[in-house]
Amino acid sequence: MGLLLLYASTLFGLLAAASAPTPLYPLYQQTLGFSDTMLTVIFAVYALALLATLLITGALSDFIGRRPVIVAALLLQGISMWVFHEAGTTTELLMARLLQGVATGLATSALGAALVDIDTRLGGLLAVACPMLGLSSGILGSSLLVDSSATPFQSIYEILLALYSLQAMAIVFDRERVVPRPGAVDSLRPAVAVPQSIRAVIWRIAPINMAGWALCGFYLALMPALSADVLASDAAWRSGVLIFLLPLTGGLVAVALRHRDTAVIVRIAGIAMITGLSLMIAGTIKGHASLLALGGVSSGIGFGAGFLGTKKAMLARAPIEQRSGVISLFFLLSYLPFSLPVILAGIGAQHAGLVPTTIGFASLLGLICAWVLGKSQSLASDTPTGA
């Protein structure tokens, strides 16, 4: 159990760092004077770097072992925390996010595999829950530090740097469970498989997972500014709680629904996302924090269910010999909408205003979810549930 907690806490901590800068974005904007568009670019470069690294190094730990990959990722993550700690320019923020994305991408598949190596059932469950729970905890912890610390630009990064140092030292002393074998260099060639058997799933179900990740990206990049705009409050804890609710609910729901039929999961995802986005629009128009909070909880249910339902449907229909490539494709379909749409939202906010952009963004995602809800049932209902 101790080893499971070690590797689960490492995955948790790496994802917590992904959301930790969010409460600081308004302060960075005031200090460095960059636009909403640049803010979303700073956010998105993390997801793009993570995705590219994951596609290149996703299988590396199968060849050289889990420990060296994870320890290297933690060292790189530590460097990124120090760059954040010292950042005084927009370029340095971009560099910190880039390093952070590479480190997280390098560690993600190795940590997931290490958890399953230790305990197939519980490790697999932790690999699903820790990323979303880490995202939620990072934003909340950072928000509280911003409001209470005398050095908000440094405190959260110092804590995370200390955490990664301790985790790296502990993992170095763990035994390696993978026997190194030839082929590491060849494994670095990116490959994404799209078997014929899952194309209908991608077309009919995957968009709801993509909508959930796009909304999560919007929350992490622009919710502090939206909170300040429509709620007339600069308190970091307020926007932090609003953001915290989305990934927290998503992670809990993904765990709670893991044994349910895919058709039921997709139906829950569609209804919850549409409800949550409607509440988000209403809260933005009326300036009610309670509506925004309820929207975050409902959207979080849809986010977690959409993530789980898409993964189950894709893996259930993937040929065994192509599952590794299908997993890479799944992450591609998750992290691209996590990054690119939010840049467009940043451009829209800069030119049309944040409130109209929020309403338009949420409306578009709602239409996508309604389309999936209408199209997915015949496919999802005959999808095996053992994935």
Protein backbone atom coordinates (compact mmCIF):
# COMPACT_ATOMS: atom_id res chain seq x y z
CA MET A 1 0.00 0.00 0.00
CA GLY A 2 2.88 2.37 0.74
CA LEU A 3 4.25 2.05 -2.80
CA LEU A 4 0.81 2.62 -4.29
CA LEU A 5 0.49 5.81 -2.27
CA LEU A 6 3.96 6.93 -3.35
CA TYR A 7 3.26 6.59 -7.06
CA ALA A 8 -0.33 7.83 -6.76
CA SER A 9 0.84 10.91 -4.85
CA THR A 10 3.45 11.55 -7.55
CA LEU A 11 0.81 11.48 -10.29
CA PHE A 12 -1.45 13.61 -8.09
CA GLY A 13 1.35 16.13 -7.45
CA LEU A 14 2.33 16.46 -11.10
CA LEU A 15 -1.26 17.27 -12.09
CA ALA A 16 -1.67 19.63 -9.13
CA ALA A 17 1.15 21.71 -10.59
CA ALA A 18 -0.76 22.00 -13.88
CA SER A 19 -3.48 24.07 -12.21
CA ALA A 20 -1.33 25.78 -9.56
CA PRO A 21 -0.47 28.84 -11.72
CA THR A 22 -4.15 29.56 -12.49
CA PRO A 23 -4.88 31.86 -9.50
CA LEU A 24 -1.69 33.76 -10.30
CA TYR A 25 -2.60 34.53 -13.92
CA PRO A 26 -4.41 37.82 -13.09
CA LEU A 27 -1.40 38.90 -11.01
CA TYR A 28 0.99 37.94 -13.78
CA GLN A 29 -1.14 39.93 -16.24
CA GLN A 30 -1.06 43.01 -14.01
CA THR A 31 2.68 42.73 -13.43
CA LEU A 32 3.84 41.77 -16.92
CA GLY A 33 1.07 43.43 -18.94
CA PHE A 34 0.18 40.63 -21.37
CA SER A 35 -3.20 40.17 -23.09
CA ASP A 36 -5.94 37.56 -22.57
CA THR A 37 -4.79 35.91 -25.79
CA MET A 38 -1.23 35.55 -24.46
CA LEU A 39 -2.63 34.24 -21.17
CA THR A 40 -4.37 31.40 -22.99
CA VAL A 41 -1.23 30.69 -25.04
CA ILE A 42 0.76 30.39 -21.79
CA PHE A 43 -1.86 27.96 -20.53
CA ALA A 44 -2.15 25.96 -23.76
CA VAL A 45 1.58 25.45 -24.34
CA TYR A 46 1.55 23.11 -21.34
CA ALA A 47 -1.06 20.79 -22.85
CA LEU A 48 0.57 20.79 -26.29
CA ALA A 49 4.00 19.99 -24.82
CA LEU A 50 2.46 17.26 -22.67
CA LEU A 51 0.72 15.70 -25.65
CA ALA A 52 3.78 15.78 -27.90
CA THR A 53 5.96 14.26 -25.17
CA LEU A 54 3.41 11.58 -24.37
CA LEU A 55 3.15 10.54 -28.00
CA ILE A 56 6.96 10.30 -28.30
CA THR A 57 7.86 8.76 -24.94
CA GLY A 58 4.63 6.96 -23.99
CA ALA A 59 6.17 3.49 -24.33
CA LEU A 60 9.71 4.38 -23.18
CA SER A 61 9.33 2.98 -19.65
CA ASP A 62 8.44 -0.43 -21.13
CA PHE A 63 12.03 -0.58 -22.46
CA ILE A 64 14.26 1.22 -19.96
CA GLY A 65 12.16 0.82 -16.79
CA ARG A 66 9.69 2.95 -14.83
CA ARG A 67 12.11 4.46 -12.30
CA PRO A 68 14.49 6.30 -14.65
CA VAL A 69 11.60 7.82 -16.62
CA ILE A 70 9.70 8.95 -13.52
CA VAL A 71 12.78 10.32 -11.73
CA ALA A 72 13.86 12.20 -14.87
CA ALA A 73 10.36 13.67 -15.13
CA LEU A 74 10.42 14.79 -11.50
CA LEU A 75 13.80 16.45 -11.97
CA LEU A 76 12.50 18.28 -15.04
CA GLN A 77 9.35 19.26 -13.15
CA GLY A 78 11.53 20.62 -10.36
CA ILE A 79 13.38 22.78 -12.87
CA SER A 80 10.07 24.09 -14.21
CA MET A 81 8.99 25.03 -10.66
CA TRP A 82 12.21 26.98 -10.21
CA VAL A 83 11.68 28.82 -13.52
CA PHE A 84 8.16 29.73 -12.31
CA HIS A 85 9.63 30.82 -8.98
CA GLU A 86 12.04 33.22 -10.69
CA ALA A 87 9.84 34.21 -13.68
CA GLY A 88 9.86 37.92 -14.44
CA THR A 89 8.95 37.93 -18.12
CA THR A 90 6.29 36.41 -20.38
CA THR A 91 8.99 34.35 -22.10
CA GLU A 92 10.01 32.79 -18.79
CA LEU A 93 6.40 31.89 -18.03
CA LEU A 94 6.12 30.22 -21.43
CA MET A 95 9.35 28.32 -20.80
CA ALA A 96 8.15 27.17 -17.36
CA ARG A 97 4.87 25.89 -18.82
CA LEU A 98 6.69 24.16 -21.66
CA LEU A 99 9.04 22.35 -19.26
CA GLN A 100 6.10 21.47 -17.04
CA GLY A 101 4.21 19.95 -19.97
CA VAL A 102 7.21 17.89 -21.08
CA ALA A 103 7.77 16.62 -17.53
CA THR A 104 4.14 15.64 -17.05
CA GLY A 105 3.95 13.97 -20.46
CA LEU A 106 7.11 12.01 -19.71
CA ALA A 107 5.75 10.78 -16.38
CA THR A 108 2.08 10.15 -17.19
CA SER A 109 2.24 6.77 -18.91
CA ALA A 110 5.15 5.55 -16.74
CA LEU A 111 3.27 6.38 -13.53
CA GLY A 112 0.06 4.82 -14.82
CA ALA A 113 1.96 1.66 -15.73
CA ALA A 114 3.80 1.63 -12.38
CA LEU A 115 0.51 1.78 -10.48
CA VAL A 116 -0.87 -1.14 -12.48
CA ASP A 117 2.41 -3.06 -12.01
CA ILE A 118 1.92 -2.86 -8.24
CA ASP A 119 -1.83 -3.57 -8.11
CA THR A 120 -3.84 -4.13 -11.28
CA ARG A 121 -7.25 -3.27 -9.82
CA LEU A 122 -6.51 -0.51 -7.28
CA GLY A 123 -3.61 0.87 -9.33
CA GLY A 124 -5.83 1.22 -12.38
CA LEU A 125 -8.45 3.03 -10.28
CA LEU A 126 -5.86 5.46 -8.89
CA ALA A 127 -4.54 6.13 -12.40
CA VAL A 128 -8.02 7.34 -13.39
CA ALA A 129 -8.78 9.34 -10.23
CA CYS A 130 -5.47 11.04 -9.41
CA PRO A 131 -5.17 13.34 -12.46
CA MET A 132 -8.53 15.05 -11.95
CA LEU A 133 -8.21 15.14 -8.16
CA GLY A 134 -4.72 16.59 -8.56
CA LEU A 135 -6.02 19.33 -10.86
CA SER A 136 -8.71 20.27 -8.34
CA SER A 137 -6.38 20.29 -5.34
CA GLY A 138 -3.70 22.33 -7.10
CA ILE A 139 -6.09 25.14 -7.91
CA LEU A 140 -7.60 25.26 -4.43
CA GLY A 141 -4.28 25.13 -2.58
CA SER A 142 -2.74 27.77 -4.81
CA SER A 143 -5.80 30.03 -4.41
CA LEU A 144 -5.57 29.92 -0.64
CA LEU A 145 -1.85 30.72 -0.76
CA VAL A 146 -2.41 33.68 -3.11
CA ASP A 147 -4.82 35.25 -0.59
CA SER A 148 -2.74 34.47 2.50
CA SER A 149 0.94 34.44 1.51
CA ALA A 150 3.23 37.46 1.53
CA THR A 151 5.05 35.95 -1.47
CA PRO A 152 2.27 34.59 -3.73
CA PHE A 153 4.54 34.31 -6.78
CA GLN A 154 6.88 31.94 -4.94
CA SER A 155 5.08 30.02 -2.16
CA ILE A 156 3.23 27.37 -4.17
CA TYR A 157 6.29 26.58 -6.28
CA GLU A 158 8.50 26.18 -3.21
CA ILE A 159 6.04 23.67 -1.73
CA LEU A 160 5.78 21.69 -4.97
CA LEU A 161 9.56 21.70 -5.49
CA ALA A 162 10.03 20.24 -2.01
CA LEU A 163 7.36 17.61 -2.72
CA TYR A 164 8.97 16.50 -5.99
CA SER A 165 12.38 16.27 -4.34
CA LEU A 166 11.05 13.94 -1.65
CA GLN A 167 9.15 11.82 -4.19
CA ALA A 168 12.18 11.49 -6.46
CA MET A 169 14.38 10.35 -3.56
CA ALA A 170 11.79 7.78 -2.48
CA ILE A 171 11.34 6.38 -6.00
CA VAL A 172 15.09 6.07 -6.51
CA PHE A 173 15.16 3.55 -3.63
CA ASP A 174 12.24 1.50 -4.94
CA ARG A 175 13.05 -1.63 -6.93
CA GLU A 176 12.58 -1.69 -10.69
CA ARG A 177 9.78 -4.00 -11.85
CA VAL A 178 10.56 -3.83 -15.58
CA VAL A 179 13.44 -5.75 -17.11
CA PRO A 180 15.21 -3.39 -19.57
CA ARG A 181 15.15 -4.59 -23.17
CA PRO A 182 16.25 -3.34 -26.58
CA GLY A 183 14.03 -1.11 -28.67
CA ALA A 184 13.97 2.11 -26.64
CA VAL A 185 15.04 4.30 -29.58
CA ASP A 186 12.51 2.76 -31.94
CA SER A 187 9.76 3.30 -29.33
CA LEU A 188 10.28 7.07 -29.60
CA ARG A 189 8.65 7.20 -33.03
CA PRO A 190 5.14 8.67 -32.53
CA ALA A 191 2.39 6.32 -33.69
CA VAL A 192 -1.36 6.78 -33.40
CA ALA A 193 -3.59 3.87 -34.40
CA VAL A 194 -7.13 4.47 -35.66
CA PRO A 195 -8.61 0.99 -36.14
CA GLN A 196 -11.72 0.72 -38.28
CA SER A 197 -13.59 -0.76 -35.30
CA ILE A 198 -13.40 2.45 -33.22
CA ARG A 199 -14.06 5.09 -35.89
CA ALA A 200 -17.76 5.21 -35.13
CA VAL A 201 -16.95 5.65 -31.43
CA ILE A 202 -14.67 8.58 -32.25
CA TRP A 203 -17.35 10.20 -34.36
CA ARG A 204 -20.32 9.66 -32.03
CA ILE A 205 -18.97 9.53 -28.46
CA ALA A 206 -15.51 11.12 -28.30
CA PRO A 207 -16.79 14.70 -28.88
CA ILE A 208 -18.36 14.72 -25.42
CA ASN A 209 -14.98 13.94 -23.86
CA MET A 210 -13.43 16.65 -26.02
CA ALA A 211 -16.10 19.13 -24.88
CA GLY A 212 -15.32 18.30 -21.23
CA TRP A 213 -11.60 18.89 -21.69
CA ALA A 214 -12.25 22.12 -23.61
CA LEU A 215 -14.40 23.38 -20.74
CA CYS A 216 -11.73 22.37 -18.21
CA GLY A 217 -9.16 24.33 -20.22
CA PHE A 218 -11.45 27.36 -20.25
CA TYR A 219 -11.93 27.12 -16.47
CA LEU A 220 -8.22 26.86 -15.75
CA ALA A 221 -7.23 29.69 -18.08
CA LEU A 222 -10.07 32.21 -17.91
CA MET A 223 -12.28 31.55 -14.86
CA PRO A 224 -10.25 33.88 -12.59
CA ALA A 225 -10.85 36.74 -15.03
CA LEU A 226 -14.53 35.78 -15.48
CA SER A 227 -15.02 35.64 -11.70
CA ALA A 228 -13.49 39.09 -11.30
CA ASP A 229 -15.64 40.42 -14.15
CA VAL A 230 -19.11 39.05 -13.40
CA LEU A 231 -18.83 38.62 -9.61
CA ALA A 232 -16.87 41.85 -9.05
CA SER A 233 -14.43 40.02 -6.79
CA ASP A 234 -10.66 39.73 -7.03
CA ALA A 235 -10.47 37.15 -4.22
CA ALA A 236 -8.45 34.21 -5.52
CA TRP A 237 -10.26 31.75 -3.25
CA ARG A 238 -13.61 32.54 -4.91
CA SER A 239 -12.47 31.71 -8.44
CA GLY A 240 -10.40 28.86 -7.01
CA VAL A 241 -13.49 27.20 -5.53
CA LEU A 242 -15.41 27.64 -8.82
CA ILE A 243 -12.60 25.93 -10.75
CA PHE A 244 -11.99 23.31 -8.04
CA LEU A 245 -15.54 21.94 -8.35
CA LEU A 246 -15.20 20.89 -12.01
CA PRO A 247 -12.22 18.46 -11.92
CA LEU A 248 -13.01 17.31 -8.37
CA THR A 249 -16.51 16.22 -9.37
CA GLY A 250 -15.15 14.74 -12.60
CA GLY A 251 -12.61 12.56 -10.80
CA LEU A 252 -15.12 11.29 -8.24
CA VAL A 253 -17.71 10.52 -10.92
CA ALA A 254 -15.19 8.67 -13.11
CA VAL A 255 -14.47 6.38 -10.16
CA ALA A 256 -18.12 5.98 -9.13
CA LEU A 257 -19.35 5.05 -12.61
CA ARG A 258 -16.51 2.75 -13.66
CA HIS A 259 -18.67 -0.41 -13.53
CA ARG A 260 -21.73 1.04 -15.26
CA ASP A 261 -22.76 0.28 -18.85
CA THR A 262 -21.22 2.61 -21.42
CA ALA A 263 -24.64 3.67 -22.75
CA VAL A 264 -25.67 4.83 -19.27
CA ILE A 265 -22.37 6.67 -18.72
CA VAL A 266 -22.65 8.55 -22.03
CA ARG A 267 -26.27 9.48 -21.31
CA ILE A 268 -25.29 10.85 -17.89
CA ALA A 269 -22.41 12.78 -19.48
CA GLY A 270 -24.62 14.44 -22.07
CA ILE A 271 -27.42 15.46 -19.70
CA ALA A 272 -25.01 16.69 -17.01
CA MET A 273 -22.87 18.70 -19.44
CA ILE A 274 -25.86 20.41 -21.05
CA THR A 275 -27.30 21.25 -17.63
CA GLY A 276 -23.98 22.51 -16.32
CA LEU A 277 -23.27 24.67 -19.35
CA SER A 278 -26.77 26.17 -19.15
CA LEU A 279 -26.18 27.05 -15.49
CA MET A 280 -22.79 28.51 -16.40
CA ILE A 281 -24.42 30.78 -18.99
CA ALA A 282 -27.13 31.83 -16.54
CA GLY A 283 -24.58 32.53 -13.81
CA THR A 284 -22.46 34.59 -16.20
CA ILE A 285 -25.44 36.70 -17.33
CA LYS A 286 -26.88 37.22 -13.85
CA GLY A 287 -23.57 37.43 -12.00
CA HIS A 288 -24.58 34.75 -9.45
CA ALA A 289 -21.77 32.74 -7.89
CA SER A 290 -24.21 30.01 -6.81
CA LEU A 291 -25.29 29.37 -10.42
CA LEU A 292 -21.67 29.22 -11.55
CA ALA A 293 -20.89 26.79 -8.73
CA LEU A 294 -23.83 24.53 -9.59
CA GLY A 295 -22.77 24.72 -13.22
CA GLY A 296 -19.29 23.58 -12.26
CA VAL A 297 -20.62 20.58 -10.31
CA SER A 298 -23.01 19.51 -13.07
CA SER A 299 -20.39 20.04 -15.79
CA GLY A 300 -17.92 18.11 -13.65
CA ILE A 301 -20.28 15.14 -13.62
CA GLY A 302 -20.44 15.36 -17.40
CA PHE A 303 -16.66 15.80 -17.66
CA GLY A 304 -15.88 12.69 -15.61
CA ALA A 305 -18.58 10.59 -17.25
CA GLY A 306 -17.55 11.69 -20.75
CA PHE A 307 -13.92 10.88 -20.03
CA LEU A 308 -14.80 7.43 -18.66
CA GLY A 309 -17.42 6.60 -21.29
CA THR A 310 -15.17 7.49 -24.21
CA LYS A 311 -12.25 5.52 -22.80
CA LYS A 312 -14.40 2.44 -22.14
CA ALA A 313 -16.00 2.56 -25.59
CA MET A 314 -12.69 2.97 -27.41
CA LEU A 315 -10.80 0.28 -25.51
CA ALA A 316 -13.70 -2.18 -25.65
CA ARG A 317 -13.68 -2.07 -29.45
CA ALA A 318 -9.91 -1.84 -29.98
CA PRO A 319 -8.03 -4.95 -31.14
CA ILE A 320 -5.70 -6.13 -28.38
CA GLU A 321 -2.59 -5.67 -30.52
CA GLN A 322 -3.54 -2.02 -31.18
CA ARG A 323 -4.60 -0.92 -27.71
CA SER A 324 -1.40 1.02 -27.01
CA GLY A 325 -1.98 3.14 -30.09
CA VAL A 326 -5.64 3.59 -29.20
CA ILE A 327 -4.63 4.91 -25.76
CA SER A 328 -2.34 7.43 -27.48
CA LEU A 329 -5.25 8.44 -29.71
CA PHE A 330 -7.48 8.84 -26.65
CA PHE A 331 -5.00 11.26 -25.07
CA LEU A 332 -4.70 13.12 -28.36
CA LEU A 333 -8.48 13.57 -28.42
CA SER A 334 -8.35 14.83 -24.82
CA TYR A 335 -5.39 17.21 -24.76
CA LEU A 336 -5.92 18.95 -28.11
CA PRO A 337 -9.30 20.36 -27.01
CA PHE A 338 -7.76 21.08 -23.60
CA SER A 339 -5.41 23.55 -25.31
CA LEU A 340 -6.42 24.86 -28.74
CA PRO A 341 -10.03 26.02 -28.14
CA VAL A 342 -9.00 28.06 -25.12
CA ILE A 343 -6.62 30.09 -27.31
CA LEU A 344 -9.57 30.94 -29.55
CA ALA A 345 -11.53 31.88 -26.43
CA GLY A 346 -8.70 34.18 -25.38
CA ILE A 347 -8.74 35.89 -28.77
CA GLY A 348 -12.53 36.23 -28.52
CA ALA A 349 -12.31 37.69 -25.00
CA GLN A 350 -9.75 40.25 -26.13
CA HIS A 351 -11.88 41.47 -29.05
CA ALA A 352 -15.52 40.83 -28.06
CA GLY A 353 -15.30 40.77 -24.26
CA LEU A 354 -15.13 37.93 -21.76
CA VAL A 355 -18.85 37.62 -21.02
CA PRO A 356 -20.00 37.28 -24.68
CA THR A 357 -17.11 34.87 -25.31
CA THR A 358 -18.09 32.75 -22.32
CA ILE A 359 -21.71 32.56 -23.46
CA GLY A 360 -20.70 31.67 -27.02
CA PHE A 361 -18.11 29.10 -25.90
CA ALA A 362 -20.52 27.38 -23.50
CA SER A 363 -23.33 27.40 -26.08
CA LEU A 364 -21.11 25.74 -28.68
CA LEU A 365 -20.05 23.03 -26.23
CA GLY A 366 -23.69 22.49 -25.28
CA LEU A 367 -24.63 21.92 -28.93
CA ILE A 368 -21.81 19.36 -29.27
CA CYS A 369 -23.04 17.51 -26.17
CA ALA A 370 -26.63 17.53 -27.44
CA TRP A 371 -25.44 16.08 -30.75
CA VAL A 372 -23.56 13.29 -28.96
CA LEU A 373 -26.56 12.58 -26.74
CA GLY A 374 -28.69 12.12 -29.82
CA LYS A 375 -26.23 10.06 -31.86
CA SER A 376 -24.39 7.88 -29.38
CA GLN A 377 -27.03 5.64 -27.85
CA SER A 378 -27.29 2.99 -30.55
CA LEU A 379 -23.51 2.64 -30.56
CA ALA A 380 -22.95 2.83 -26.81
CA SER A 381 -25.69 0.36 -25.96
CA ASP A 382 -23.98 -2.53 -27.71
CA THR A 383 -20.48 -1.64 -26.52
CA PRO A 384 -18.93 -4.21 -24.16
CA THR A 385 -18.57 -2.95 -20.63
CA GLY A 386 -15.44 -4.76 -19.60
CA ALA A 387 -12.99 -2.20 -20.91
